[in-house]
Amino acid sequence: MKFLLCGTVLLAFFAITIYGQAYIGTFADPKYPGKCVIEGYILSPGQKFQPKGTCQQLECINADGRGGSTGCGLIGAPPNCRLADFDFSKPHPRCCHRELICD
């Protein structure tokens, strides 16, 4: 039973980390025409950026300020289990993969 539960949780984990969570919007700023200003970072169209110490990717899509942010999504661990920490040294989305540790 524990094996089935852990297997189900792992499958859900991989499904969530593959799709992650994302938001897209307009991040235009008149001070920086033709660029996106996302969470204080100034990005050029086509540029992707992972802020240090995070597991998210910021992206500027076009010169109208269209851009977005992609994270890892949310997942919980079953009782007597926990998820290992994110590995921020890896690029997004590889940093989203976290080991499930069960007692």
N, C-alpha and C. Protein backbone atom coordinates (compact mmCIF):
# COMPACT_ATOMS: atom_id res chain seq x y z
N MET A 1 0.83 -1.19 0.00
CA MET A 1 0.00 0.00 0.00
C MET A 1 0.87 1.26 0.00
N LYS A 2 1.92 1.26 0.83
CA LYS A 2 2.82 2.41 0.89
C LYS A 2 3.49 2.65 -0.48
N PHE A 3 3.86 1.56 -1.15
CA PHE A 3 4.47 1.66 -2.48
C PHE A 3 3.49 2.31 -3.46
N LEU A 4 2.23 1.89 -3.43
CA LEU A 4 1.22 2.45 -4.33
C LEU A 4 1.02 3.94 -4.04
N LEU A 5 0.96 4.30 -2.78
CA LEU A 5 0.79 5.70 -2.41
C LEU A 5 1.97 6.54 -2.89
N CYS A 6 3.20 6.06 -2.63
CA CYS A 6 4.39 6.80 -3.08
C CYS A 6 4.44 6.90 -4.60
N GLY A 7 4.06 5.83 -5.29
CA GLY A 7 4.03 5.84 -6.75
C GLY A 7 3.04 6.86 -7.29
N THR A 8 1.87 6.93 -6.67
CA THR A 8 0.85 7.90 -7.09
C THR A 8 1.34 9.32 -6.85
N VAL A 9 1.95 9.55 -5.70
CA VAL A 9 2.47 10.89 -5.39
C VAL A 9 3.57 11.27 -6.37
N LEU A 10 4.46 10.35 -6.68
CA LEU A 10 5.53 10.64 -7.64
C LEU A 10 4.97 10.97 -9.02
N LEU A 11 3.97 10.22 -9.46
CA LEU A 11 3.35 10.49 -10.75
C LEU A 11 2.72 11.88 -10.76
N ALA A 12 2.01 12.23 -9.71
CA ALA A 12 1.41 13.56 -9.62
C ALA A 12 2.50 14.63 -9.59
N PHE A 13 3.58 14.36 -8.87
CA PHE A 13 4.68 15.31 -8.79
C PHE A 13 5.27 15.59 -10.17
N PHE A 14 5.54 14.53 -10.94
CA PHE A 14 6.12 14.73 -12.26
C PHE A 14 5.15 15.44 -13.19
N ALA A 15 3.86 15.15 -13.08
CA ALA A 15 2.88 15.84 -13.91
C ALA A 15 2.85 17.33 -13.59
N ILE A 16 2.91 17.68 -12.32
CA ILE A 16 2.89 19.09 -11.93
C ILE A 16 4.17 19.79 -12.32
N THR A 17 5.32 19.14 -12.13
CA THR A 17 6.56 19.83 -12.45
C THR A 17 6.76 19.97 -13.94
N ILE A 18 6.18 19.09 -14.73
CA ILE A 18 6.28 19.24 -16.18
C ILE A 18 5.46 20.45 -16.62
N TYR A 19 4.26 20.61 -16.06
CA TYR A 19 3.40 21.71 -16.47
C TYR A 19 3.63 22.97 -15.65
N GLY A 20 4.03 22.83 -14.40
CA GLY A 20 4.35 23.97 -13.56
C GLY A 20 3.20 24.93 -13.39
N GLN A 21 3.54 26.13 -13.00
CA GLN A 21 2.55 27.19 -12.91
C GLN A 21 3.12 28.37 -13.67
N ALA A 22 2.26 29.10 -14.33
CA ALA A 22 2.73 30.21 -15.15
C ALA A 22 1.71 31.34 -15.12
N TYR A 23 2.21 32.55 -15.31
CA TYR A 23 1.32 33.66 -15.57
C TYR A 23 1.92 34.50 -16.67
N ILE A 24 1.03 35.02 -17.49
CA ILE A 24 1.44 35.85 -18.63
C ILE A 24 0.65 37.14 -18.55
N GLY A 25 1.31 38.21 -18.88
CA GLY A 25 0.65 39.50 -18.84
C GLY A 25 1.45 40.54 -19.59
N THR A 26 1.06 41.79 -19.44
CA THR A 26 1.78 42.89 -20.06
C THR A 26 2.63 43.56 -18.99
N PHE A 27 3.92 43.64 -19.26
CA PHE A 27 4.88 44.18 -18.30
C PHE A 27 5.63 45.36 -18.92
N ALA A 28 4.90 46.18 -19.65
CA ALA A 28 5.50 47.35 -20.29
C ALA A 28 5.74 48.44 -19.25
N ASP A 29 6.81 49.21 -19.47
CA ASP A 29 7.14 50.33 -18.60
C ASP A 29 7.61 51.46 -19.51
N PRO A 30 6.98 52.65 -19.44
CA PRO A 30 7.37 53.74 -20.32
C PRO A 30 8.84 54.15 -20.18
N LYS A 31 9.45 53.85 -19.05
CA LYS A 31 10.88 54.17 -18.87
C LYS A 31 11.76 53.27 -19.74
N TYR A 32 11.24 52.10 -20.13
CA TYR A 32 12.02 51.12 -20.89
C TYR A 32 11.21 50.65 -22.10
N PRO A 33 11.02 51.53 -23.10
CA PRO A 33 10.21 51.15 -24.26
C PRO A 33 10.81 49.95 -25.01
N GLY A 34 9.93 49.08 -25.47
CA GLY A 34 10.36 47.90 -26.22
C GLY A 34 10.88 46.77 -25.35
N LYS A 35 10.76 46.91 -24.04
CA LYS A 35 11.25 45.88 -23.12
C LYS A 35 10.14 45.48 -22.14
N CYS A 36 10.40 44.43 -21.38
CA CYS A 36 9.51 44.00 -20.31
C CYS A 36 10.20 44.26 -18.97
N VAL A 37 9.42 44.71 -18.01
CA VAL A 37 9.94 44.87 -16.65
C VAL A 37 9.11 43.93 -15.77
N ILE A 38 9.74 42.78 -15.44
CA ILE A 38 9.06 41.74 -14.69
C ILE A 38 9.77 41.57 -13.34
N GLU A 39 9.02 41.80 -12.28
CA GLU A 39 9.56 41.67 -10.92
C GLU A 39 10.85 42.47 -10.75
N GLY A 40 10.92 43.62 -11.40
CA GLY A 40 12.08 44.50 -11.27
C GLY A 40 13.22 44.21 -12.25
N TYR A 41 13.12 43.13 -13.01
CA TYR A 41 14.15 42.78 -14.00
C TYR A 41 13.75 43.31 -15.37
N ILE A 42 14.71 43.92 -16.07
CA ILE A 42 14.46 44.49 -17.39
C ILE A 42 14.94 43.49 -18.43
N LEU A 43 14.00 43.00 -19.24
CA LEU A 43 14.30 41.97 -20.23
C LEU A 43 13.97 42.46 -21.64
N SER A 44 14.78 42.05 -22.59
CA SER A 44 14.54 42.35 -24.00
C SER A 44 13.64 41.27 -24.60
N PRO A 45 12.92 41.57 -25.68
CA PRO A 45 12.09 40.55 -26.32
C PRO A 45 12.91 39.30 -26.67
N GLY A 46 12.36 38.14 -26.32
CA GLY A 46 13.03 36.87 -26.57
C GLY A 46 13.96 36.44 -25.44
N GLN A 47 14.23 37.33 -24.50
CA GLN A 47 15.15 37.01 -23.41
C GLN A 47 14.43 36.23 -22.31
N LYS A 48 15.13 35.20 -21.79
CA LYS A 48 14.65 34.41 -20.65
C LYS A 48 15.68 34.57 -19.53
N PHE A 49 15.18 34.56 -18.30
CA PHE A 49 16.07 34.81 -17.17
C PHE A 49 15.56 34.08 -15.95
N GLN A 50 16.48 33.42 -15.22
CA GLN A 50 16.15 32.78 -13.95
C GLN A 50 16.82 33.56 -12.83
N PRO A 51 16.05 34.29 -12.02
CA PRO A 51 16.66 35.04 -10.92
C PRO A 51 17.41 34.10 -9.97
N LYS A 52 18.53 34.57 -9.48
CA LYS A 52 19.36 33.78 -8.56
C LYS A 52 18.57 33.42 -7.31
N GLY A 53 18.72 32.18 -6.87
CA GLY A 53 18.05 31.74 -5.66
C GLY A 53 16.58 31.40 -5.85
N THR A 54 16.16 31.24 -7.11
CA THR A 54 14.77 30.89 -7.40
C THR A 54 14.73 29.72 -8.37
N CYS A 55 13.57 29.15 -8.47
CA CYS A 55 13.33 28.12 -9.47
C CYS A 55 12.15 28.60 -10.32
N GLN A 56 12.35 29.72 -10.95
CA GLN A 56 11.34 30.27 -11.85
C GLN A 56 12.05 30.88 -13.04
N GLN A 57 11.33 30.97 -14.13
CA GLN A 57 11.89 31.56 -15.34
C GLN A 57 11.03 32.74 -15.77
N LEU A 58 11.67 33.87 -15.95
CA LEU A 58 11.00 35.07 -16.47
C LEU A 58 11.29 35.14 -17.95
N GLU A 59 10.32 35.59 -18.73
CA GLU A 59 10.52 35.68 -20.18
C GLU A 59 9.80 36.90 -20.74
N CYS A 60 10.51 37.63 -21.61
CA CYS A 60 9.90 38.73 -22.34
C CYS A 60 9.55 38.19 -23.72
N ILE A 61 8.28 38.25 -24.08
CA ILE A 61 7.82 37.66 -25.33
C ILE A 61 7.94 38.62 -26.51
N ASN A 62 7.56 39.88 -26.30
CA ASN A 62 7.64 40.82 -27.43
C ASN A 62 7.89 42.25 -26.97
N ALA A 63 8.07 43.14 -27.94
CA ALA A 63 8.41 44.54 -27.66
C ALA A 63 7.23 45.34 -27.10
N ASP A 64 6.04 44.76 -27.09
CA ASP A 64 4.89 45.43 -26.49
C ASP A 64 4.83 45.22 -24.98
N GLY A 65 5.83 44.50 -24.44
CA GLY A 65 5.87 44.25 -23.00
C GLY A 65 5.19 42.97 -22.57
N ARG A 66 4.79 42.17 -23.54
CA ARG A 66 4.14 40.89 -23.21
C ARG A 66 5.20 39.94 -22.66
N GLY A 67 4.95 39.37 -21.51
CA GLY A 67 5.92 38.47 -20.90
C GLY A 67 5.26 37.62 -19.85
N GLY A 68 6.08 36.87 -19.12
CA GLY A 68 5.51 36.02 -18.10
C GLY A 68 6.55 35.39 -17.21
N SER A 69 6.03 34.62 -16.29
CA SER A 69 6.85 33.92 -15.31
C SER A 69 6.34 32.49 -15.21
N THR A 70 7.27 31.54 -15.20
CA THR A 70 6.92 30.13 -15.05
C THR A 70 7.61 29.59 -13.81
N GLY A 71 6.84 28.97 -12.95
CA GLY A 71 7.38 28.36 -11.74
C GLY A 71 7.24 26.86 -11.78
N CYS A 72 7.21 26.25 -10.62
CA CYS A 72 7.18 24.79 -10.54
C CYS A 72 5.81 24.21 -10.23
N GLY A 73 4.89 24.99 -9.81
CA GLY A 73 3.62 24.44 -9.38
C GLY A 73 3.70 24.01 -7.92
N LEU A 74 2.61 23.55 -7.40
CA LEU A 74 2.53 23.16 -5.99
C LEU A 74 2.31 21.67 -5.87
N ILE A 75 2.91 21.09 -4.87
CA ILE A 75 2.68 19.68 -4.57
C ILE A 75 2.89 19.47 -3.08
N GLY A 76 2.13 18.58 -2.54
CA GLY A 76 2.29 18.23 -1.14
C GLY A 76 2.83 16.82 -1.03
N ALA A 77 3.31 16.48 0.13
CA ALA A 77 3.82 15.14 0.38
C ALA A 77 2.83 14.38 1.26
N PRO A 78 2.74 13.07 1.07
CA PRO A 78 1.84 12.28 1.92
C PRO A 78 2.36 12.23 3.36
N PRO A 79 1.54 11.75 4.29
CA PRO A 79 1.98 11.64 5.68
C PRO A 79 3.29 10.84 5.77
N ASN A 80 4.14 11.24 6.69
CA ASN A 80 5.45 10.61 6.94
C ASN A 80 6.43 10.78 5.79
N CYS A 81 6.16 11.72 4.90
CA CYS A 81 7.05 12.00 3.78
C CYS A 81 7.27 13.50 3.68
N ARG A 82 8.34 13.87 3.01
CA ARG A 82 8.61 15.28 2.74
C ARG A 82 9.34 15.39 1.42
N LEU A 83 9.35 16.58 0.87
CA LEU A 83 10.07 16.83 -0.38
C LEU A 83 11.41 17.47 -0.06
N ALA A 84 12.44 17.02 -0.75
CA ALA A 84 13.77 17.62 -0.59
C ALA A 84 13.71 19.07 -1.09
N ASP A 85 14.71 19.85 -0.73
CA ASP A 85 14.77 21.24 -1.16
C ASP A 85 14.98 21.35 -2.66
N PHE A 86 14.62 22.51 -3.21
CA PHE A 86 14.91 22.80 -4.61
C PHE A 86 16.42 22.91 -4.79
N ASP A 87 16.90 22.56 -5.97
CA ASP A 87 18.31 22.75 -6.31
C ASP A 87 18.40 23.96 -7.23
N PHE A 88 18.60 25.14 -6.64
CA PHE A 88 18.61 26.39 -7.40
C PHE A 88 19.80 26.50 -8.36
N SER A 89 20.76 25.59 -8.25
CA SER A 89 21.90 25.64 -9.16
C SER A 89 21.53 25.10 -10.54
N LYS A 90 20.40 24.42 -10.64
CA LYS A 90 19.95 23.87 -11.93
C LYS A 90 19.03 24.88 -12.62
N PRO A 91 19.03 24.87 -13.96
CA PRO A 91 18.13 25.78 -14.68
C PRO A 91 16.68 25.30 -14.59
N HIS A 92 15.78 26.24 -14.76
CA HIS A 92 14.36 25.91 -14.80
C HIS A 92 14.09 25.16 -16.11
N PRO A 93 13.35 24.09 -16.14
CA PRO A 93 12.53 23.48 -15.11
C PRO A 93 13.23 22.35 -14.34
N ARG A 94 14.49 22.06 -14.64
CA ARG A 94 15.17 20.96 -13.95
C ARG A 94 15.25 21.20 -12.44
N CYS A 95 15.29 22.45 -12.01
CA CYS A 95 15.35 22.74 -10.58
C CYS A 95 14.04 22.39 -9.87
N CYS A 96 12.97 22.17 -10.62
CA CYS A 96 11.68 21.82 -10.02
C CYS A 96 11.64 20.40 -9.47
N HIS A 97 12.44 19.52 -10.02
CA HIS A 97 12.41 18.13 -9.60
C HIS A 97 12.97 17.99 -8.19
N ARG A 98 12.16 17.44 -7.30
CA ARG A 98 12.55 17.30 -5.90
C ARG A 98 12.32 15.85 -5.47
N GLU A 99 13.24 15.34 -4.71
CA GLU A 99 13.15 13.97 -4.24
C GLU A 99 12.09 13.84 -3.14
N LEU A 100 11.32 12.77 -3.19
CA LEU A 100 10.36 12.47 -2.15
C LEU A 100 11.05 11.60 -1.11
N ILE A 101 11.09 12.04 0.13
CA ILE A 101 11.76 11.33 1.20
C ILE A 101 10.71 10.86 2.20
N CYS A 102 10.61 9.55 2.35
CA CYS A 102 9.61 8.97 3.26
C CYS A 102 10.32 8.24 4.40
N ASP A 103 9.75 8.33 5.60
CA ASP A 103 10.32 7.65 6.78
C ASP A 103 9.94 6.18 6.78
